[in-house]
C-alpha cells in the first residue's frame, strides 16, 4: 500500500512507499545531428557554406514548440509502469504543464486517473527540460507523491525523453524514478529560438547563500552551483537546522537554466551522510543578474510549501 510522506525540509517522513510514486521526468542528453540547411530569423532557408548569408544564420535550436502542445506516452516509478498524457505550454522556454497518469492495463495499481500541474525551465540550445511538481487538479483515490521531470526534447523523434524525478530522505536515501518517454501528438508552434543570454549566469562555478521556508521555521541555506554554459546546472546545498551552525544536512542537485529568461529549475538528488528523515525538494524560480538574486518556490511531494519562500544571492 502506498503511504503519504510528509513535506521537507521541515517535517518528518512517513513510511516510504516504494511502489507507485507520482511521476514525471525527462533526463538524458541525446546528441542531435546538425541539419545541412538552416533557417534565418525571418524564416528563409540558407546554406551555411554561402558566406554572403553566413551572418544571418540563426543559432541552432533544439527548442520545444512554442504555445500549447499535447504529449502521450508512459513512465515508470518503483518498477510500476503508468500511462501518461501531458499538456505543455511553452513561452520562450518558461514551461507550465498538466500531467494525467493512469494505470497500465497490463499491471493496474488502482489509481484510475489522476492529474496534477507542473512548472519548469527549458533551454532551447541543448533541448534540456526540468519540471517541478505543483498540485493535484484531479486527486487520486489514495495518497501518492507529486514528482517532477528531468530530461530533454529530441526534435528528430519529436519526443521528450528522461526519467521521473522524485525525492530522497535521510532515512531512505534512494530515488525510485524510472524512465519516461512522451511523444508529441498535437501543437505546431515554431521551435523556441536561442535568444541572447541577457539574464544568464556566467558559465562556471558559483556559491549562494540565503534562506528558505516550508512547513516550519525560516532556515538558512548555502551551496555550490555550477553552470556549464549550455543549459545544465549541478551543485550541492546545505540546509540549516535552522541555521548553518547546526545544519540539517546536504544534498546534491541538478537543474536547467535558460540564460535568455533567467529561469532556473533545480531537481533534487541524494543526501550526503544523512541521519534524519527529511525529504529533499525542488526549486523553481529565476535569476536576476542585476541583483544577483535567485528567488523562487520550493516544491515537495505534497505541495505544502508556501510560494516565494526561496531567496538566495548567487556569487
Protein backbone atom coordinates (compact mmCIF):
# COMPACT_ATOMS: atom_id res chain seq x y z
CA UNK A 1 0.00 0.00 0.00
CA UNK A 2 1.27 3.44 -0.86
CA UNK A 3 1.80 5.71 2.12
CA UNK A 4 1.77 9.54 2.15
CA UNK A 5 5.01 11.28 3.03
CA UNK A 6 5.36 14.49 4.99
CA UNK A 7 6.90 17.58 3.48
CA UNK A 8 10.57 18.54 3.69
CA UNK A 9 12.76 20.11 4.71
CA UNK A 10 10.81 20.73 7.92
CA UNK A 11 8.59 17.71 8.55
CA UNK A 12 9.31 14.04 9.33
CA UNK A 13 8.91 11.31 6.74
CA UNK A 14 6.16 8.73 6.96
CA UNK A 15 6.75 5.15 5.83
CA UNK A 16 8.35 5.22 2.42
CA UNK A 17 6.21 3.93 -0.44
CA UNK A 18 8.45 2.05 -2.80
CA UNK A 19 5.59 1.16 -5.11
CA UNK A 20 3.88 3.95 -7.05
CA UNK A 21 5.25 7.41 -6.56
CA UNK A 22 3.78 10.02 -8.77
CA UNK A 23 5.86 10.53 -11.58
CA UNK A 24 7.15 12.53 -14.18
CA UNK A 25 10.50 13.27 -15.62
CA UNK A 26 12.73 13.66 -18.50
CA UNK A 27 16.59 13.24 -18.31
CA UNK A 28 19.42 12.02 -20.56
CA UNK A 29 21.31 14.04 -23.06
CA UNK A 30 20.97 12.80 -26.62
CA UNK A 31 23.06 14.29 -29.39
CA UNK A 32 21.13 15.53 -32.38
CA UNK A 33 22.72 15.72 -35.81
CA UNK A 34 23.12 19.14 -37.37
CA UNK A 35 20.93 19.99 -40.33
CA UNK A 36 22.60 20.80 -43.61
CA UNK A 37 20.36 23.82 -44.16
CA UNK A 38 19.42 26.44 -41.57
CA UNK A 39 16.67 28.99 -41.16
CA UNK A 40 17.33 32.69 -40.74
CA UNK A 41 15.45 34.70 -38.14
CA UNK A 42 12.90 35.69 -40.80
CA UNK A 43 12.29 32.08 -41.89
CA UNK A 44 14.43 31.95 -45.07
CA UNK A 45 16.36 28.75 -45.73
CA UNK A 46 20.07 29.28 -46.36
CA UNK A 47 23.18 27.22 -46.95
CA UNK A 48 25.73 27.96 -44.21
CA UNK A 49 28.52 27.50 -46.74
CA UNK A 50 27.28 30.63 -48.50
CA UNK A 51 29.49 33.32 -46.99
CA UNK A 52 27.13 36.05 -48.18
CA UNK A 53 24.45 34.89 -45.77
CA UNK A 54 26.58 33.35 -43.03
CA UNK A 55 25.99 36.29 -40.69
CA UNK A 56 22.20 35.85 -40.94
CA UNK A 57 22.09 32.19 -39.85
CA UNK A 58 20.21 31.87 -36.58
CA UNK A 59 21.78 29.78 -33.79
CA UNK A 60 20.83 26.10 -33.93
CA UNK A 61 17.87 25.23 -31.70
CA UNK A 62 16.51 22.12 -30.08
CA UNK A 63 13.59 24.18 -28.88
CA UNK A 64 10.21 22.82 -27.92
CA UNK A 65 7.21 24.12 -29.89
CA UNK A 66 6.00 27.48 -28.64
CA UNK A 67 2.47 27.69 -27.25
CA UNK A 68 0.34 24.71 -26.25
CA UNK A 69 1.23 21.15 -27.26
CA UNK A 70 -0.01 17.69 -26.25
CA UNK A 71 2.09 14.61 -25.49
CA UNK A 72 1.40 10.92 -24.91
CA UNK A 73 3.50 8.03 -23.60
CA UNK A 74 4.45 6.20 -20.43
CA UNK A 75 6.67 6.47 -17.37
CA UNK A 76 8.00 4.17 -14.67
CA UNK A 77 8.27 4.58 -10.90
CA UNK A 78 9.43 1.93 -8.44
CA UNK A 79 9.11 -0.76 -11.18
CA UNK A 80 5.48 0.23 -11.92
CA UNK A 81 4.53 1.50 -15.40
CA UNK A 82 1.90 4.22 -15.88
CA UNK A 83 0.29 5.66 -18.98
CA UNK A 84 0.84 9.43 -19.28
CA UNK A 85 -0.84 12.29 -21.14
CA UNK A 86 0.60 15.80 -20.84
CA UNK A 87 -0.35 19.28 -21.98
CA UNK A 88 2.63 21.63 -22.13
CA UNK A 89 2.62 25.43 -22.50
CA UNK A 90 5.94 26.92 -23.60
CA UNK A 91 6.70 30.66 -23.63
CA UNK A 92 10.30 31.24 -24.64
CA UNK A 93 11.44 28.30 -22.52
CA UNK A 94 9.28 29.07 -19.46
CA UNK A 95 7.08 25.99 -19.02
CA UNK A 96 3.80 25.11 -17.36
CA UNK A 97 2.17 21.71 -17.73
CA UNK A 98 -0.55 19.35 -16.63
CA UNK A 99 0.14 15.65 -16.42
CA UNK A 100 -2.52 12.93 -16.33
CA UNK A 101 -1.40 9.49 -15.25
CA UNK A 102 -3.42 6.30 -15.33
CA UNK A 103 -2.99 2.60 -14.70
CA UNK A 104 -1.19 0.49 -17.24
CA UNK A 105 -3.69 -2.14 -18.46
CA UNK A 106 -1.10 -4.87 -18.08
CA UNK A 107 -0.45 -4.17 -14.38
CA UNK A 108 -3.08 -1.87 -12.85
CA UNK A 109 -2.25 -0.44 -9.43
CA UNK A 110 -5.70 1.02 -8.79
CA UNK A 111 -5.02 4.75 -9.20
CA UNK A 112 -7.56 5.11 -12.00
CA UNK A 113 -6.79 8.52 -13.49
CA UNK A 114 -5.20 11.49 -11.71
CA UNK A 115 -3.91 14.87 -12.90
CA UNK A 116 -1.53 17.47 -11.50
CA UNK A 117 0.28 20.63 -12.54
CA UNK A 118 3.97 21.32 -13.06
CA UNK A 119 6.21 24.26 -13.94
CA UNK A 120 9.78 24.45 -15.09
CA UNK A 121 12.55 25.50 -17.43
CA UNK A 122 13.61 24.63 -21.00
CA UNK A 123 16.93 25.57 -22.60
CA UNK A 124 16.38 25.58 -26.39
CA UNK A 125 20.08 25.37 -27.22
CA UNK A 126 20.58 22.00 -25.53
CA UNK A 127 16.96 20.84 -25.50
CA UNK A 128 17.12 20.26 -21.73
CA UNK A 129 13.86 20.27 -19.74
CA UNK A 130 13.27 20.26 -15.96
CA UNK A 131 9.79 20.30 -14.42
CA UNK A 132 8.89 20.68 -10.74
CA UNK A 133 5.53 19.42 -9.40
CA UNK A 134 2.70 21.77 -8.47
CA UNK A 135 -0.61 20.44 -7.13
CA UNK A 136 -3.34 17.92 -7.85
CA UNK A 137 -6.25 19.00 -10.03
CA UNK A 138 -7.80 15.51 -10.22
CA UNK A 139 -6.94 13.79 -6.94
CA UNK A 140 -6.02 10.07 -6.95
CA UNK A 141 -8.03 7.64 -4.79
CA UNK A 142 -5.14 7.17 -2.34
CA UNK A 143 -2.11 9.22 -1.28
CA UNK A 144 0.81 9.17 -3.67
CA UNK A 145 3.61 11.61 -4.34
CA UNK A 146 3.82 14.54 -6.70
CA UNK A 147 7.00 14.06 -8.76
CA UNK A 148 8.82 16.02 -11.47
CA UNK A 149 10.71 15.55 -14.77
CA UNK A 150 14.34 15.90 -15.74
CA UNK A 151 15.21 15.27 -19.36
CA UNK A 152 15.43 16.68 -22.86
CA UNK A 153 13.49 17.26 -26.06
CA UNK A 154 14.66 15.38 -29.16
CA UNK A 155 13.36 17.23 -32.24
CA UNK A 156 14.39 14.39 -34.57
CA UNK A 157 11.91 12.00 -32.95
CA UNK A 158 9.59 14.69 -31.54
CA UNK A 159 9.84 13.14 -28.08
CA UNK A 160 10.51 14.17 -24.51
CA UNK A 161 12.89 11.60 -23.03
CA UNK A 162 14.20 11.29 -19.49
CA UNK A 163 13.49 10.00 -16.00
CA UNK A 164 10.93 10.59 -13.29
CA UNK A 165 12.41 13.00 -10.73
CA UNK A 166 11.48 12.19 -7.14
CA UNK A 167 12.88 12.64 -3.62
CA UNK A 168 15.34 11.10 -1.20
CA UNK A 169 15.17 11.16 2.58
CA UNK A 170 17.94 10.82 5.11
CA UNK A 171 16.41 7.60 6.42
CA UNK A 172 15.81 6.15 2.93
CA UNK A 173 18.46 7.76 0.75
CA UNK A 174 17.40 6.41 -2.63
CA UNK A 175 15.49 7.51 -5.73
CA UNK A 176 12.71 5.44 -7.27
CA UNK A 177 12.07 7.31 -10.52
CA UNK A 178 12.37 5.35 -13.76
CA UNK A 179 12.42 6.21 -17.46
CA UNK A 180 9.79 8.38 -19.14
CA UNK A 181 9.08 8.93 -22.83
CA UNK A 182 6.36 11.20 -24.26
CA UNK A 183 5.69 11.79 -27.96
CA UNK A 184 4.06 14.97 -29.28
CA UNK A 185 0.53 14.36 -30.57
CA UNK A 186 -0.55 17.96 -31.30
CA UNK A 187 0.72 21.53 -31.28
CA UNK A 188 2.56 23.01 -34.25
CA UNK A 189 4.14 26.13 -32.80
CA UNK A 190 7.54 27.27 -34.03
CA UNK A 191 10.55 25.93 -32.15
CA UNK A 192 11.76 28.19 -29.35
CA UNK A 193 14.68 30.17 -30.71
CA UNK A 194 18.04 30.51 -28.98
CA UNK A 195 17.93 34.11 -27.73
CA UNK A 196 20.57 36.47 -26.38
CA UNK A 197 21.76 35.44 -22.87
CA UNK A 198 20.80 38.72 -21.21
CA UNK A 199 19.67 37.13 -17.92
CA UNK A 200 22.13 34.28 -17.62
CA UNK A 201 24.59 33.20 -15.01
CA UNK A 202 28.21 33.31 -16.07
CA UNK A 203 29.46 29.87 -17.04
CA UNK A 204 31.45 28.15 -14.32
CA UNK A 205 31.33 27.73 -10.55
CA UNK A 206 29.28 29.89 -8.16
CA UNK A 207 28.30 29.92 -4.48
CA UNK A 208 24.97 31.02 -2.99
CA UNK A 209 23.60 31.92 0.44
CA UNK A 210 20.14 32.84 1.67
CA UNK A 211 17.00 31.47 3.32
CA UNK A 212 14.11 29.09 2.67
CA UNK A 213 10.92 28.04 4.42
CA UNK A 214 8.47 25.18 4.09
CA UNK A 215 6.17 23.99 6.89
CA UNK A 216 8.46 25.02 9.74
CA UNK A 217 10.82 27.87 10.61
CA UNK A 218 12.84 30.01 8.23
CA UNK A 219 16.07 28.12 7.56
CA UNK A 220 19.47 29.25 6.32
CA UNK A 221 20.72 27.71 3.09
CA UNK A 222 24.04 27.83 1.26
CA UNK A 223 25.60 25.92 -1.58
CA UNK A 224 27.74 25.49 -4.64
CA UNK A 225 26.31 25.76 -8.12
CA UNK A 226 27.98 25.27 -11.49
CA UNK A 227 26.53 26.14 -14.90
CA UNK A 228 28.11 24.56 -17.98
CA UNK A 229 27.04 27.44 -20.26
CA UNK A 230 24.79 25.05 -22.21
CA UNK A 231 21.73 24.61 -20.03
CA UNK A 232 22.88 22.18 -17.33
CA UNK A 233 23.28 23.07 -13.65
CA UNK A 234 24.90 20.87 -11.00
CA UNK A 235 25.57 21.53 -7.34
CA UNK A 236 25.14 20.80 -3.67
CA UNK A 237 23.25 22.70 -0.97
CA UNK A 238 23.44 22.77 2.82
CA UNK A 239 20.14 23.28 4.67
CA UNK A 240 20.30 24.89 8.12
CA UNK A 241 18.67 23.31 11.09
CA UNK A 242 17.52 26.12 11.18
CA UNK A 243 20.91 27.91 10.93
CA UNK A 244 24.09 26.81 9.21
CA UNK A 245 25.95 26.48 12.51
CA UNK A 246 23.89 23.31 13.06
CA UNK A 247 22.94 22.15 9.55
CA UNK A 248 20.18 19.67 8.84
CA UNK A 249 22.29 18.17 6.05
CA UNK A 250 23.49 18.47 2.46
CA UNK A 251 22.06 17.11 -0.76
CA UNK A 252 23.09 17.19 -4.40
CA UNK A 253 21.00 18.62 -7.21
CA UNK A 254 20.95 19.01 -10.98
CA UNK A 255 18.92 21.51 -12.97
CA UNK A 256 18.25 23.55 -16.08
CA UNK A 257 18.97 27.25 -16.64
CA UNK A 258 17.71 29.36 -19.55
CA UNK A 259 20.10 32.35 -19.90
CA UNK A 260 17.62 34.30 -22.03
CA UNK A 261 14.83 34.34 -19.43
CA UNK A 262 16.85 33.79 -16.24
CA UNK A 263 14.67 30.79 -15.34
CA UNK A 264 16.17 28.08 -13.11
CA UNK A 265 14.66 24.76 -12.03
CA UNK A 266 16.61 22.58 -9.57
CA UNK A 267 15.93 18.85 -9.29
CA UNK A 268 16.93 17.04 -6.06
CA UNK A 269 19.28 14.07 -5.85
CA UNK A 270 20.70 12.27 -2.77
CA UNK A 271 21.54 13.44 0.75
CA UNK A 272 25.19 13.43 1.80
CA UNK A 273 25.85 11.44 5.00
CA UNK A 274 22.20 11.71 6.13
CA UNK A 275 20.93 10.84 9.60
CA UNK A 276 17.35 12.16 9.57
CA UNK A 277 14.04 11.58 7.79
CA UNK A 278 13.68 14.89 5.96
CA UNK A 279 12.92 14.94 2.24
CA UNK A 280 14.89 16.73 -0.45
CA UNK A 281 12.99 19.26 -2.61
CA UNK A 282 12.77 21.03 -5.99
CA UNK A 283 13.30 24.76 -6.50
CA UNK A 284 11.59 26.60 -9.37
CA UNK A 285 12.45 30.27 -9.84
CA UNK A 286 14.54 32.81 -11.76
CA UNK A 287 17.86 34.62 -11.60
CA UNK A 288 18.21 38.41 -11.82
CA UNK A 289 21.74 39.36 -12.94
CA UNK A 290 21.23 42.99 -11.91
CA UNK A 291 20.95 41.98 -8.24
CA UNK A 292 22.49 38.51 -8.24
CA UNK A 293 19.31 37.15 -6.64
CA UNK A 294 17.78 33.74 -7.34
CA UNK A 295 14.22 33.77 -5.97
CA UNK A 296 11.53 31.13 -6.31
CA UNK A 297 9.39 28.35 -4.87
CA UNK A 298 10.20 25.12 -3.08
CA UNK A 299 8.30 22.15 -4.47
CA UNK A 300 7.75 18.95 -2.48
CA UNK A 301 5.81 15.69 -2.58
CA UNK A 302 2.58 17.14 -1.13
CA UNK A 303 2.60 20.77 -2.34
CA UNK A 304 2.60 22.14 1.23
CA UNK A 305 5.43 24.71 0.96
CA UNK A 306 4.30 28.34 0.59
CA UNK A 307 5.20 30.06 -2.68
CA UNK A 308 8.04 32.58 -2.91
CA UNK A 309 9.99 31.47 0.17
CA UNK A 310 13.31 30.59 -1.56
CA UNK A 311 15.63 33.62 -1.53
CA UNK A 312 19.37 33.37 -2.23
CA UNK A 313 22.13 35.55 -3.63
CA UNK A 314 24.49 33.95 -6.15
CA UNK A 315 28.16 34.99 -6.09
